C-alpha atoms as a PDB file:
ATOM      1  CA  MET A   1     186.307  74.802  69.154  1.00  0.00           C
ATOM      2  CA  LEU A   2     182.514  75.082  68.959  1.00  0.00           C
ATOM      3  CA  ILE A   3     182.284  74.734  65.179  1.00  0.00           C
ATOM      4  CA  PRO A   4     184.610  71.675  64.998  1.00  0.00           C
ATOM      5  CA  LEU A   5     182.658  70.091  67.849  1.00  0.00           C
ATOM      6  CA  ALA A   6     179.344  70.743  66.105  1.00  0.00           C
ATOM      7  CA  THR A   7     180.750  69.297  62.881  1.00  0.00           C
ATOM      8  CA  ALA A   8     181.933  66.162  64.673  1.00  0.00           C
ATOM      9  CA  ALA A   9     178.591  65.805  66.468  1.00  0.00           C
ATOM     10  CA  GLY A  10     176.645  66.137  63.216  1.00  0.00           C
ATOM     11  CA  LEU A  11     178.788  63.586  61.369  1.00  0.00           C
ATOM     12  CA  ALA A  12     178.601  61.185  64.312  1.00  0.00           C
ATOM     13  CA  PHE A  13     174.805  61.501  64.327  1.00  0.00           C
ATOM     14  CA  ILE A  14     174.644  60.638  60.620  1.00  0.00           C
ATOM     15  CA  ALA A  15     176.862  57.584  61.130  1.00  0.00           C
ATOM     16  CA  GLY A  16     174.928  56.426  64.197  1.00  0.00           C
ATOM     17  CA  VAL A  17     171.545  56.792  62.519  1.00  0.00           C
ATOM     18  CA  MET A  18     172.711  54.862  59.454  1.00  0.00           C
ATOM     19  CA  LEU A  19     174.094  52.052  61.629  1.00  0.00           C
ATOM     20  CA  VAL A  20     170.809  51.678  63.501  1.00  0.00           C
ATOM     21  CA  ALA A  21     168.877  51.901  60.240  1.00  0.00           C
ATOM     22  CA  THR A  22     170.739  48.884  58.836  1.00  0.00           C
ATOM     23  CA  GLN A  23     169.172  46.855  61.653  1.00  0.00           C
ATOM     24  CA  ALA A  24     165.841  48.613  62.202  1.00  0.00           C
ATOM     25  CA  ASN A  25     164.593  47.971  58.666  1.00  0.00           C
ATOM     26  CA  SER A  26     164.546  44.203  59.282  1.00  0.00           C
ATOM     27  CA  ASP A  27     161.474  42.402  60.604  1.00  0.00           C
ATOM     28  CA  PRO A  28     161.402  43.002  63.516  1.00  0.00           C
ATOM     29  CA  VAL A  29     165.088  44.050  63.799  1.00  0.00           C
ATOM     30  CA  GLY A  30     168.545  42.766  62.884  1.00  0.00           C
ATOM     31  CA  ARG A  31     170.747  40.936  65.354  1.00  0.00           C
ATOM     32  CA  HIS A  32     173.024  43.969  65.836  1.00  0.00           C
ATOM     33  CA  TYR A  33     170.171  46.345  66.660  1.00  0.00           C
ATOM     34  CA  ASP A  34     170.985  46.668  70.360  1.00  0.00           C
ATOM     35  CA  ALA A  35     174.738  46.944  69.792  1.00  0.00           C
ATOM     36  CA  TYR A  36     174.373  49.694  67.190  1.00  0.00           C
ATOM     37  CA  ASN A  37     172.011  51.615  69.452  1.00  0.00           C
ATOM     38  CA  ARG A  38     174.733  51.527  72.104  1.00  0.00           C
ATOM     39  CA  VAL A  39     177.066  53.085  69.535  1.00  0.00           C
ATOM     40  CA  LEU A  40     174.422  55.771  69.011  1.00  0.00           C
ATOM     41  CA  THR A  41     174.684  56.571  72.732  1.00  0.00           C
ATOM     42  CA  GLY A  42     178.090  58.156  72.184  1.00  0.00           C
ATOM     43  CA  ASP A  43     176.794  60.198  69.247  1.00  0.00           C
ATOM     44  CA  LEU A  44     173.903  61.524  71.322  1.00  0.00           C
ATOM     45  CA  ILE A  45     176.250  62.381  74.196  1.00  0.00           C
ATOM     46  CA  LEU A  46     178.386  64.378  71.754  1.00  0.00           C
ATOM     47  CA  LEU A  47     175.288  66.338  70.686  1.00  0.00           C
ATOM     48  CA  LEU A  48     174.391  66.879  74.341  1.00  0.00           C
ATOM     49  CA  VAL A  49     177.857  68.259  75.137  1.00  0.00           C
ATOM     50  CA  CYS A  50     177.674  70.558  72.116  1.00  0.00           C
ATOM     51  CA  SER A  51     174.176  71.783  73.059  1.00  0.00           C
ATOM     52  CA  VAL A  52     175.277  72.533  76.625  1.00  0.00           C
ATOM     53  CA  TRP A  53     178.214  74.507  75.230  1.00  0.00           C
ATOM     54  CA  ILE A  54     175.873  76.473  72.960  1.00  0.00           C
ATOM     55  CA  ALA A  55     173.480  77.180  75.840  1.00  0.00           C
ATOM     56  CA  ARG A  56     176.350  78.466  77.992  1.00  0.00           C
ATOM     57  CA  GLU A  57     177.604  80.702  75.178  1.00  0.00           C
ATOM     58  CA  ILE A  58     174.138  82.170  74.669  1.00  0.00           C
ATOM     59  CA  LYS A  59     173.761  82.845  78.392  1.00  0.00           C
ATOM     60  CA  HIS A  60     177.297  84.282  78.714  1.00  0.00           C
ATOM     61  CA  ARG A  61     176.709  86.706  75.828  1.00  0.00           C
ATOM     62  CA  SER A  62     173.187  87.605  77.031  1.00  0.00           C
ATOM     63  CA  LEU A  63     171.690  86.745  73.654  1.00  0.00           C
ATOM     64  CA  ALA A  64     168.059  86.045  72.858  1.00  0.00           C
ATOM     65  CA  GLY A  65     166.917  82.443  73.129  1.00  0.00           C
ATOM     66  CA  THR A  66     168.609  81.462  76.392  1.00  0.00           C
ATOM     67  CA  THR A  67     165.677  79.365  77.609  1.00  0.00           C
ATOM     68  CA  ALA A  68     165.203  77.690  74.231  1.00  0.00           C
ATOM     69  CA  THR A  69     168.859  76.707  73.942  1.00  0.00           C
ATOM     70  CA  ARG A  70     168.663  75.198  77.406  1.00  0.00           C
ATOM     71  CA  ALA A  71     165.609  73.278  76.212  1.00  0.00           C
ATOM     72  CA  ILE A  72     167.653  71.885  73.304  1.00  0.00           C
ATOM     73  CA  ALA A  73     170.176  70.560  75.820  1.00  0.00           C
ATOM     74  CA  GLY A  74     167.322  69.177  77.901  1.00  0.00           C
ATOM     75  CA  GLY A  75     165.858  67.448  74.859  1.00  0.00           C
ATOM     76  CA  PHE A  76     169.132  65.762  73.983  1.00  0.00           C
ATOM     77  CA  GLY A  77     169.582  64.885  77.650  1.00  0.00           C
ATOM     78  CA  LEU A  78     166.250  63.035  77.587  1.00  0.00           C
ATOM     79  CA  MET A  79     167.241  61.258  74.378  1.00  0.00           C
ATOM     80  CA  VAL A  80     170.500  60.117  75.965  1.00  0.00           C
ATOM     81  CA  ALA A  81     168.639  58.994  79.081  1.00  0.00           C
ATOM     82  CA  GLY A  82     166.120  57.017  77.025  1.00  0.00           C
ATOM     83  CA  ASN A  83     168.830  55.353  74.975  1.00  0.00           C
ATOM     84  CA  VAL A  84     170.828  54.432  78.095  1.00  0.00           C
ATOM     85  CA  VAL A  85     167.812  53.113  80.001  1.00  0.00           C
ATOM     86  CA  GLU A  86     166.693  50.851  77.167  1.00  0.00           C
ATOM     87  CA  PHE A  87     169.898  49.526  75.672  1.00  0.00           C
ATOM     88  CA  TRP A  88     172.493  49.806  78.432  1.00  0.00           C
ATOM     89  CA  GLY A  89     169.916  48.894  81.067  1.00  0.00           C
ATOM     90  CA  ALA A  90     169.134  45.689  79.185  1.00  0.00           C
ATOM     91  CA  LEU A  91     172.848  44.919  78.879  1.00  0.00           C
ATOM     92  CA  VAL A  92     173.532  45.456  82.587  1.00  0.00           C
ATOM     93  CA  THR A  93     170.542  43.385  83.698  1.00  0.00           C
ATOM     94  CA  GLY A  94     171.204  40.632  81.169  1.00  0.00           C
ATOM     95  CA  SER A  95     167.756  41.139  79.663  1.00  0.00           C
ATOM     96  CA  GLU A  96     166.533  41.558  76.092  1.00  0.00           C
ATOM     97  CA  THR A  97     165.080  44.745  74.712  1.00  0.00           C
ATOM     98  CA  GLU A  98     161.517  44.585  73.430  1.00  0.00           C
ATOM     99  CA  LYS A  99     162.407  44.339  69.742  1.00  0.00           C
ATOM    100  CA  THR A 100     165.209  41.856  70.301  1.00  0.00           C
ATOM    101  CA  ALA A 101     162.870  39.683  72.354  1.00  0.00           C
ATOM    102  CA  ALA A 102     160.395  39.818  69.450  1.00  0.00           C
ATOM    103  CA  ARG A 103     163.152  38.793  67.028  1.00  0.00           C
ATOM    104  CA  LEU A 104     164.065  35.807  69.189  1.00  0.00           C
ATOM    105  CA  GLY A 105     160.455  34.871  69.819  1.00  0.00           C
ATOM    106  CA  HIS A 106     160.720  35.398  73.573  1.00  0.00           C
ATOM    107  CA  GLU A 107     157.759  36.635  75.563  1.00  0.00           C
ATOM    108  CA  ASP A 108     159.660  38.420  78.316  1.00  0.00           C
ATOM    109  CA  ALA A 109     161.410  41.704  77.491  1.00  0.00           C
ATOM    110  CA  PHE A 110     163.315  44.264  79.533  1.00  0.00           C
ATOM    111  CA  TRP A 111     160.872  46.514  81.379  1.00  0.00           C
ATOM    112  CA  GLY A 112     162.998  49.569  80.578  1.00  0.00           C
ATOM    113  CA  SER A 113     162.417  49.308  76.844  1.00  0.00           C
ATOM    114  CA  GLY A 114     159.096  51.116  77.001  1.00  0.00           C
ATOM    115  CA  VAL A 115     160.367  53.694  79.476  1.00  0.00           C
ATOM    116  CA  GLY A 116     163.467  54.323  77.384  1.00  0.00           C
ATOM    117  CA  TRP A 117     161.460  54.783  74.189  1.00  0.00           C
ATOM    118  CA  ILE A 118     159.105  57.278  75.865  1.00  0.00           C
ATOM    119  CA  LEU A 119     162.058  59.298  77.199  1.00  0.00           C
ATOM    120  CA  PHE A 120     163.747  59.270  73.783  1.00  0.00           C
ATOM    121  CA  LEU A 121     160.557  60.332  72.002  1.00  0.00           C
ATOM    122  CA  LEU A 122     159.855  63.100  74.527  1.00  0.00           C
ATOM    123  CA  GLY A 123     163.412  64.394  74.172  1.00  0.00           C
ATOM    124  CA  SER A 124     163.120  64.406  70.387  1.00  0.00           C
ATOM    125  CA  VAL A 125     159.919  66.477  70.557  1.00  0.00           C
ATOM    126  CA  VAL A 126     161.465  68.957  73.031  1.00  0.00           C
ATOM    127  CA  ALA A 127     164.595  69.374  70.881  1.00  0.00           C
ATOM    128  CA  THR A 128     162.486  69.870  67.746  1.00  0.00           C
ATOM    129  CA  VAL A 129     160.327  72.613  69.235  1.00  0.00           C
ATOM    130  CA  ALA A 130     163.302  74.309  70.894  1.00  0.00           C
ATOM    131  CA  LEU A 131     165.310  74.419  67.653  1.00  0.00           C
ATOM    132  CA  ILE A 132     162.401  76.072  65.859  1.00  0.00           C
ATOM    133  CA  ILE A 133     162.186  78.707  68.616  1.00  0.00           C
ATOM    134  CA  VAL A 134     165.949  79.273  68.537  1.00  0.00           C
ATOM    135  CA  ALA A 135     165.774  79.754  64.764  1.00  0.00           C
ATOM    136  CA  ARG A 136     163.534  82.785  65.359  1.00  0.00           C
ATOM    137  CA  ALA A 137     165.849  84.171  68.035  1.00  0.00           C
ATOM    138  CA  ALA A 138     168.938  83.690  65.862  1.00  0.00           C
ATOM    139  CA  GLY A 139     167.937  86.635  63.693  1.00  0.00           C
ATOM    140  CA  ARG A 140     168.760  88.900  66.639  1.00  0.00           C
ATOM    141  CA  TRP A 141     172.288  87.447  66.726  1.00  0.00           C
ATOM    142  CA  GLY A 142     172.892  88.434  63.126  1.00  0.00           C
ATOM    143  CA  ALA A 143     172.165  84.994  61.617  1.00  0.00           C
ATOM    144  CA  THR A 144     171.288  85.011  57.927  1.00  0.00           C
ATOM    145  CA  SER A 145     167.894  83.930  56.643  1.00  0.00           C
ATOM    146  CA  SER A 146     169.355  80.681  55.261  1.00  0.00           C
ATOM    147  CA  GLN A 147     170.976  79.905  58.618  1.00  0.00           C
ATOM    148  CA  ARG A 148     167.707  80.488  60.437  1.00  0.00           C
ATOM    149  CA  TRP A 149     165.823  78.190  58.062  1.00  0.00           C
ATOM    150  CA  ALA A 150     168.511  75.516  58.460  1.00  0.00           C
ATOM    151  CA  ILE A 151     168.363  75.757  62.264  1.00  0.00           C
ATOM    152  CA  GLY A 152     164.575  75.514  62.323  1.00  0.00           C
ATOM    153  CA  ALA A 153     164.569  72.592  59.903  1.00  0.00           C
ATOM    154  CA  ALA A 154     167.225  70.805  61.973  1.00  0.00           C
ATOM    155  CA  GLY A 155     164.706  69.949  64.670  1.00  0.00           C
ATOM    156  CA  VAL A 156     162.256  68.433  62.210  1.00  0.00           C
ATOM    157  CA  MET A 157     165.049  66.584  60.400  1.00  0.00           C
ATOM    158  CA  GLN A 158     166.360  65.116  63.656  1.00  0.00           C
ATOM    159  CA  ALA A 159     162.946  63.654  64.395  1.00  0.00           C
ATOM    160  CA  ALA A 160     162.526  62.481  60.793  1.00  0.00           C
ATOM    161  CA  ALA A 161     165.855  60.646  60.869  1.00  0.00           C
ATOM    162  CA  SER A 162     164.744  58.621  63.895  1.00  0.00           C
ATOM    163  CA  ALA A 163     161.327  57.972  62.368  1.00  0.00           C
ATOM    164  CA  LEU A 164     162.715  56.804  59.012  1.00  0.00           C
ATOM    165  CA  TRP A 165     165.423  54.422  60.175  1.00  0.00           C
ATOM    166  CA  ALA A 166     162.828  51.651  60.047  1.00  0.00           C
ATOM    167  CA  ALA A 167     162.439  52.313  56.298  1.00  0.00           C
ATOM    168  CA  ALA A 168     165.993  52.168  54.947  1.00  0.00           C
ATOM    169  CA  PRO A 169     169.469  53.508  55.785  1.00  0.00           C
ATOM    170  CA  ILE A 170     169.394  56.042  52.945  1.00  0.00           C
ATOM    171  CA  ALA A 171     165.916  57.235  53.984  1.00  0.00           C
ATOM    172  CA  ALA A 172     167.261  57.983  57.475  1.00  0.00           C
ATOM    173  CA  ALA A 173     170.599  59.365  56.253  1.00  0.00           C
ATOM    174  CA  ILE A 174     169.066  62.191  54.205  1.00  0.00           C
ATOM    175  CA  PRO A 175     167.257  63.949  57.093  1.00  0.00           C
ATOM    176  CA  ALA A 176     170.217  63.118  59.378  1.00  0.00           C
ATOM    177  CA  ALA A 177     172.511  64.996  56.989  1.00  0.00           C
ATOM    178  CA  ALA A 178     170.050  67.910  56.869  1.00  0.00           C
ATOM    179  CA  PHE A 179     170.051  67.970  60.665  1.00  0.00           C
ATOM    180  CA  ALA A 180     173.870  67.996  60.734  1.00  0.00           C
ATOM    181  CA  PHE A 181     173.907  70.993  58.376  1.00  0.00           C
ATOM    182  CA  GLY A 182     171.380  72.853  60.519  1.00  0.00           C
ATOM    183  CA  TRP A 183     173.322  72.008  63.679  1.00  0.00           C
ATOM    184  CA  LEU A 184     176.496  73.412  62.137  1.00  0.00           C
ATOM    185  CA  SER A 185     174.539  76.518  61.094  1.00  0.00           C
ATOM    186  CA  LEU A 186     173.480  77.010  64.720  1.00  0.00           C
ATOM    187  CA  ALA A 187     177.056  76.710  65.991  1.00  0.00           C
ATOM    188  CA  THR A 188     178.270  79.113  63.291  1.00  0.00           C
ATOM    189  CA  ALA A 189     175.577  81.666  64.158  1.00  0.00           C
ATOM    190  CA  VAL A 190     176.521  81.487  67.844  1.00  0.00           C
ATOM    191  CA  GLN A 191     180.229  81.757  67.081  1.00  0.00           C
ATOM    192  CA  ARG A 192     179.695  84.859  64.954  1.00  0.00           C
ATOM    193  CA  ALA A 193     177.273  86.531  67.346  1.00  0.00           C
ATOM    194  CA  ASP A 194     180.131  88.540  68.888  1.00  0.00           C
ATOM    195  CA  GLU A 195     181.126  89.844  65.462  1.00  0.00           C
ATOM    196  CA  HIS A 196     177.559  91.012  64.881  1.00  0.00           C
ATOM    197  CA  ALA A 197     177.438  92.690  68.304  1.00  0.00           C
ATOM    198  CA  THR A 198     180.776  94.422  67.656  1.00  0.00           C
ATOM    199  CA  THR A 199     179.532  95.673  64.294  1.00  0.00           C
ATOM    200  CA  GLN A 200     176.345  96.995  65.878  1.00  0.00           C
ATOM    201  CA  VAL A 201     178.307  98.808  68.582  1.00  0.00           C
ATOM    202  CA  GLY A 202     180.674 100.257  65.997  1.00  0.00           C
ATOM    203  CA  SER A 203     177.796 101.512  63.874  1.00  0.00           C
ATOM    204  CA  SER A 204     176.135 103.108  66.902  1.00  0.00           C
ATOM    205  CA  ALA A 205     179.371 104.795  67.907  1.00  0.00           C
ATOM    206  CA  ALA A 206     179.890 106.144  64.400  1.00  0.00           C
ATOM    207  CA  THR A 207     176.343 107.492  64.303  1.00  0.00           C
ATOM    208  CA  THR A 208     176.848 109.197  67.678  1.00  0.00           C
ATOM    209  CA  ALA A 209     180.123 110.710  66.551  1.00  0.00           C
ATOM    210  CA  ARG A 210     178.563 112.166  63.394  1.00  0.00           C
ATOM    211  CA  ALA A 211     175.742 113.587  65.457  1.00  0.00           C
END
């Protein structure tokens, strides 16, 4: 189920980023900005669940990159936390997020907007660095060169998608799609790690037998 889950998480991320981008490219934001960011919460949670699954698989199989895969989960966890603090916190308290307050011309904004943004940004940086590190470790699982490049690029593309949603939906969708491909490449490499290990053991046994 890991590959279908990763596929669903990647597609959900693309959809969520494009929704937010339709509102973030307005000045300052569109009237559905907060609502669409709450939709993005579910997409980020799906990525978090998938990253936790991947981290557990890596640990269970004693593969290289255990700490880095945990860091990916931690990064997405921070992104979820930041999103929840800013957008769901504002909803629960009946306040307005910083950008919505600017759109309405109100001076007072929800105090959690700044905290939420910092958490989200920190999580994005952690996930980016961790994915690059995991891309190096994936070679020891039997991942192909193209898979490793896709995994490493996924971190950068995830950050780029969030950075570009203020430009235009299509500008954010392109790196979001590249991230989704890299995320699927990571899940595929993890799923096939056992096959690589079995092949290695078989080759070693054959070499021993010939000797």
